[in-house]
């Protein structure tokens, strides 16, 4: 996986935060039938490019798999893993996972 792909993921997530397109954890729970990939696509529905555009497909798949492994490893408390006082920023949570992944690449 390219570090540039992980950086692009983090930058895309931070861009959504900057545009105030964030979700609360309660809203995320209601979207349990959606994948993270689908949620990110819906948050960028009016954009000409998705976060994954220009990124090798295998890098995007590995980022999504990393997030999946993280949520599986931490179970129901995964959303509160980094800071239990953060309840209103699903995207900050994704960015934190991206930073963790970047340190592993």
Foldseek 3Di string as FASTA:
>chain_A
DDLVLLVLVLVLLVVLVVVVLFAFVVVVVVVVVDQPQVVQCVSCVVPPDGSCPPPPPVVVVVLSVLVVVQCVVVDPCSQCVPHVVRGGGPSVSSSVSSVVVSVVD
